[in-house]
Protein backbone atom coordinates (compact mmCIF):
# COMPACT_ATOMS: atom_id res chain seq x y z
CA MET A 1 28.00 -14.36 -2.31
CA THR A 2 29.73 -11.02 -2.87
CA SER A 3 27.72 -8.07 -4.11
CA LYS A 4 28.66 -6.09 -7.20
CA TYR A 5 28.05 -2.38 -7.46
CA TYR A 6 27.02 -0.28 -10.46
CA LYS A 7 25.81 3.15 -11.30
CA VAL A 8 23.37 3.79 -14.11
CA ALA A 9 23.20 7.14 -15.88
CA LYS A 10 20.18 9.27 -16.57
CA GLY A 11 18.69 8.69 -20.02
CA THR A 12 18.64 4.89 -19.91
CA ASP A 13 15.50 2.76 -19.65
CA PHE A 14 16.80 1.30 -16.36
CA TYR A 15 17.25 4.78 -14.86
CA ASP A 16 13.84 5.95 -16.08
CA TYR A 17 12.10 2.89 -14.62
CA THR A 18 13.84 3.30 -11.24
CA GLN A 19 12.69 6.90 -11.10
CA ARG A 20 9.09 5.74 -11.64
CA VAL A 21 9.51 3.33 -8.73
CA PHE A 22 10.89 6.21 -6.65
CA THR A 23 7.97 8.47 -7.64
CA LYS A 24 5.60 5.72 -6.53
CA THR A 25 7.09 5.81 -3.03
CA LEU A 26 6.57 9.57 -2.86
CA HIS A 27 2.87 9.22 -3.69
CA TYR A 28 2.11 6.25 -1.43
CA LYS A 29 0.17 8.32 1.15
CA SER A 30 -1.92 10.07 -1.50
CA PHE A 31 -2.65 6.78 -3.24
CA SER A 32 -3.63 5.18 0.08
CA LYS A 33 -5.91 8.11 0.91
CA GLU A 34 -7.75 7.91 -2.42
CA VAL A 35 -8.13 4.12 -2.20
CA SER A 36 -9.48 4.55 1.34
CA GLU A 37 -12.04 7.07 0.06
CA MET A 38 -13.00 4.71 -2.78
CA LEU A 39 -13.47 1.73 -0.42
CA GLY A 40 -15.09 3.63 2.44
CA PHE A 41 -12.51 2.54 5.03
CA LYS A 42 -8.78 2.79 5.72
CA ALA A 43 -6.75 1.00 3.03
CA ASP A 44 -3.56 0.60 5.10
CA GLY A 45 -3.49 -2.94 6.43
CA ASN A 46 -6.63 -3.83 4.50
CA ILE A 47 -5.37 -4.06 0.91
CA ILE A 48 -2.32 -5.59 -0.77
CA TYR A 49 -0.42 -2.68 -2.33
CA ASN A 50 2.05 -4.48 -4.58
CA ARG A 51 -0.53 -6.24 -6.75
CA LYS A 52 -2.05 -4.87 -9.92
CA ALA A 53 -5.48 -6.24 -8.99
CA LEU A 54 -7.31 -4.95 -5.94
CA TYR A 55 -7.11 -7.37 -2.99
CA VAL A 56 -9.13 -6.38 0.08
CA ARG A 57 -9.37 -8.13 3.46
CA ARG A 58 -12.69 -9.93 3.86
CA THR A 59 -12.79 -8.91 7.54
CA ALA A 60 -12.48 -5.21 6.60
CA LEU A 61 -15.31 -5.51 4.07
CA GLU A 62 -17.51 -7.33 6.61
CA LYS A 63 -16.77 -4.77 9.32
CA PHE A 64 -16.88 -1.47 7.40
CA THR A 65 -18.94 -2.06 4.23
CA PRO A 66 -20.82 -5.36 4.49
CA GLU A 67 -23.17 -4.27 1.70
CA SER A 68 -20.22 -4.31 -0.74
CA LEU A 69 -19.34 -7.98 -0.11
CA LYS A 70 -21.47 -9.02 -3.10
CA LEU A 71 -19.09 -7.04 -5.37
CA TYR A 72 -16.15 -9.31 -4.44
CA LYS A 73 -15.08 -12.93 -4.89
CA ALA A 74 -12.57 -15.04 -2.99
CA GLY A 75 -8.99 -14.05 -3.78
CA GLY A 76 -7.15 -16.46 -1.48
CA GLY A 77 -7.23 -16.76 2.30
CA ASP A 78 -8.74 -13.67 3.93
CA TRP A 79 -8.37 -11.68 0.69
CA MET A 80 -11.13 -10.80 -1.75
CA THR A 81 -10.92 -9.30 -5.22
CA PRO A 82 -13.63 -7.53 -7.25
CA ARG A 83 -15.86 -9.68 -9.44
CA VAL A 84 -15.64 -9.10 -13.19
CA ALA A 85 -19.12 -7.53 -13.01
CA SER A 86 -17.68 -4.82 -10.71
CA LYS A 87 -16.07 -3.13 -13.70
CA SER A 88 -16.37 0.41 -12.31
CA LEU A 89 -14.51 -0.59 -9.12
CA ILE A 90 -11.81 -2.42 -11.12
CA CYS A 91 -11.39 0.55 -13.47
CA ALA A 92 -11.32 3.09 -10.63
CA TYR A 93 -8.55 1.13 -8.89
CA GLU A 94 -6.55 0.75 -12.14
CA THR A 95 -6.87 4.50 -12.75
CA LEU A 96 -5.52 5.27 -9.26
CA ARG A 97 -2.60 2.83 -9.74
CA GLU A 98 -1.68 4.57 -13.01
CA LYS A 99 -2.10 8.06 -11.52
CA TYR A 100 0.39 7.28 -8.72
CA ASN A 101 2.83 5.04 -10.70
CA MET A 102 1.91 2.05 -8.51
CA ASN A 103 2.47 -0.46 -11.33
CA TYR A 104 6.24 -0.08 -11.20
CA GLU A 105 8.08 -2.67 -9.09
CA THR A 106 11.78 -3.14 -8.45
CA LEU A 107 11.32 -6.90 -8.78
CA ASP A 108 10.04 -6.50 -12.37
CA LEU A 109 13.02 -4.31 -13.22
CA PHE A 110 15.53 -6.76 -11.73
CA SER A 111 13.85 -9.62 -13.57
CA GLU A 112 14.05 -7.79 -16.91
CA TYR A 113 17.80 -7.25 -16.46
CA SER A 114 18.48 -10.76 -15.05
CA ILE A 115 19.42 -9.48 -11.60
CA ASN A 116 18.68 -11.75 -8.65
CA GLY A 117 18.49 -9.66 -5.49
CA GLY A 118 19.92 -6.29 -4.67
CA SER A 119 19.00 -2.75 -3.83
CA ILE A 120 18.73 0.61 -5.56
CA LEU A 121 19.70 4.07 -4.36
CA PHE A 122 17.36 6.37 -6.27
CA ASP A 123 18.38 9.67 -7.83
CA PHE A 124 16.14 11.88 -5.71
CA ASP A 125 18.56 14.84 -5.79
CA ASN A 126 19.18 14.79 -9.56
CA SER A 127 22.80 13.62 -9.37
CA GLY A 128 22.37 11.97 -12.77
CA PHE A 129 22.84 8.41 -11.51
CA VAL A 130 21.04 5.64 -9.68
CA TYR A 131 23.28 3.27 -7.76
CA VAL A 132 22.63 -0.46 -7.76
CA GLU A 133 23.87 -3.17 -5.43
CA VAL A 134 23.52 -6.54 -7.17
CA LYS A 135 23.56 -9.79 -5.21
CA GLN A 136 23.60 -12.12 -8.21
CA ILE A 137 23.70 -11.57 -11.97
CA LEU A 138 21.99 -14.27 -13.99
CA SER A 139 23.38 -13.11 -17.34
CA GLU A 140 25.90 -10.50 -18.47
CA LEU A 141 24.86 -6.89 -17.82
CA ASP A 142 25.20 -4.33 -20.60
CA SER A 143 28.31 -2.31 -19.71
CA SER A 144 26.98 0.68 -21.66
CA ILE A 145 24.15 0.87 -19.10
CA PHE A 146 25.71 -0.56 -15.94
CA ILE A 147 28.90 1.33 -15.13
CA GLU A 148 31.02 -0.60 -12.65
CA SER A 149 31.30 1.06 -9.28
CA ASN A 150 32.44 -0.18 -5.86
CA GLU A 151 31.12 -0.68 -2.36
CA ILE A 152 32.76 2.51 -1.06
CA GLU A 153 31.07 4.71 -3.68
CA PHE A 154 27.74 2.95 -3.00
CA LEU A 155 28.05 3.42 0.77
CA GLU A 156 29.11 7.07 0.34
CA ARG A 157 25.98 7.66 -1.72
CA ARG A 158 23.85 5.90 0.90
CA LEU A 159 25.39 8.07 3.64
CA HIS A 160 24.74 11.21 1.56
CA ILE A 161 21.09 10.19 1.24
CA LYS A 162 20.78 9.57 4.99
CA LYS A 163 22.27 13.00 5.74
CA LEU A 164 19.82 14.70 3.38
CA ASP A 165 16.93 12.73 4.92
CA SER A 166 17.92 13.76 8.44
CA LYS A 167 18.13 17.43 7.35
CA LYS A 168 14.59 17.13 5.96
CA GLU A 169 13.39 15.62 9.25
CA GLU A 170 15.05 18.39 11.26
CA ALA A 171 13.36 21.02 9.08
CA LYS A 172 9.91 19.62 9.88
């Protein structure tokens, strides 16, 4: 299967959504820190980040906050989720997800536009475009949104991003 390449201009719903996904990645550490404070133990490795509901490892609850086990119900396997009666915990987690744009997922975006697999190069340097590699298109894409590009332009953009990232690392 050959990939197709597109760029999407600023001002479209697709572009705006991708920028929310990008913003989410920037705030991951802050989100994780606040969730850790809320739970009373380190969230990394102990929660599932890409779910709208809070899923916490049973073993983490038993080890770090056994008194809070009564606030949770089985969520599948080693995972637990807050009981409906734990409304304050549910609301606090939802508030944090909204604060840090954690409800935005690339998969949801691809699904909305009938794209099956691919990757996005975000517009973190305000170039005015996001670049999209599409593995499979399930229905025709709107050409007023998705401007055809090519693999060379996509790879040049990726290289540009890597160079900027390495300059940031060197500056640290």
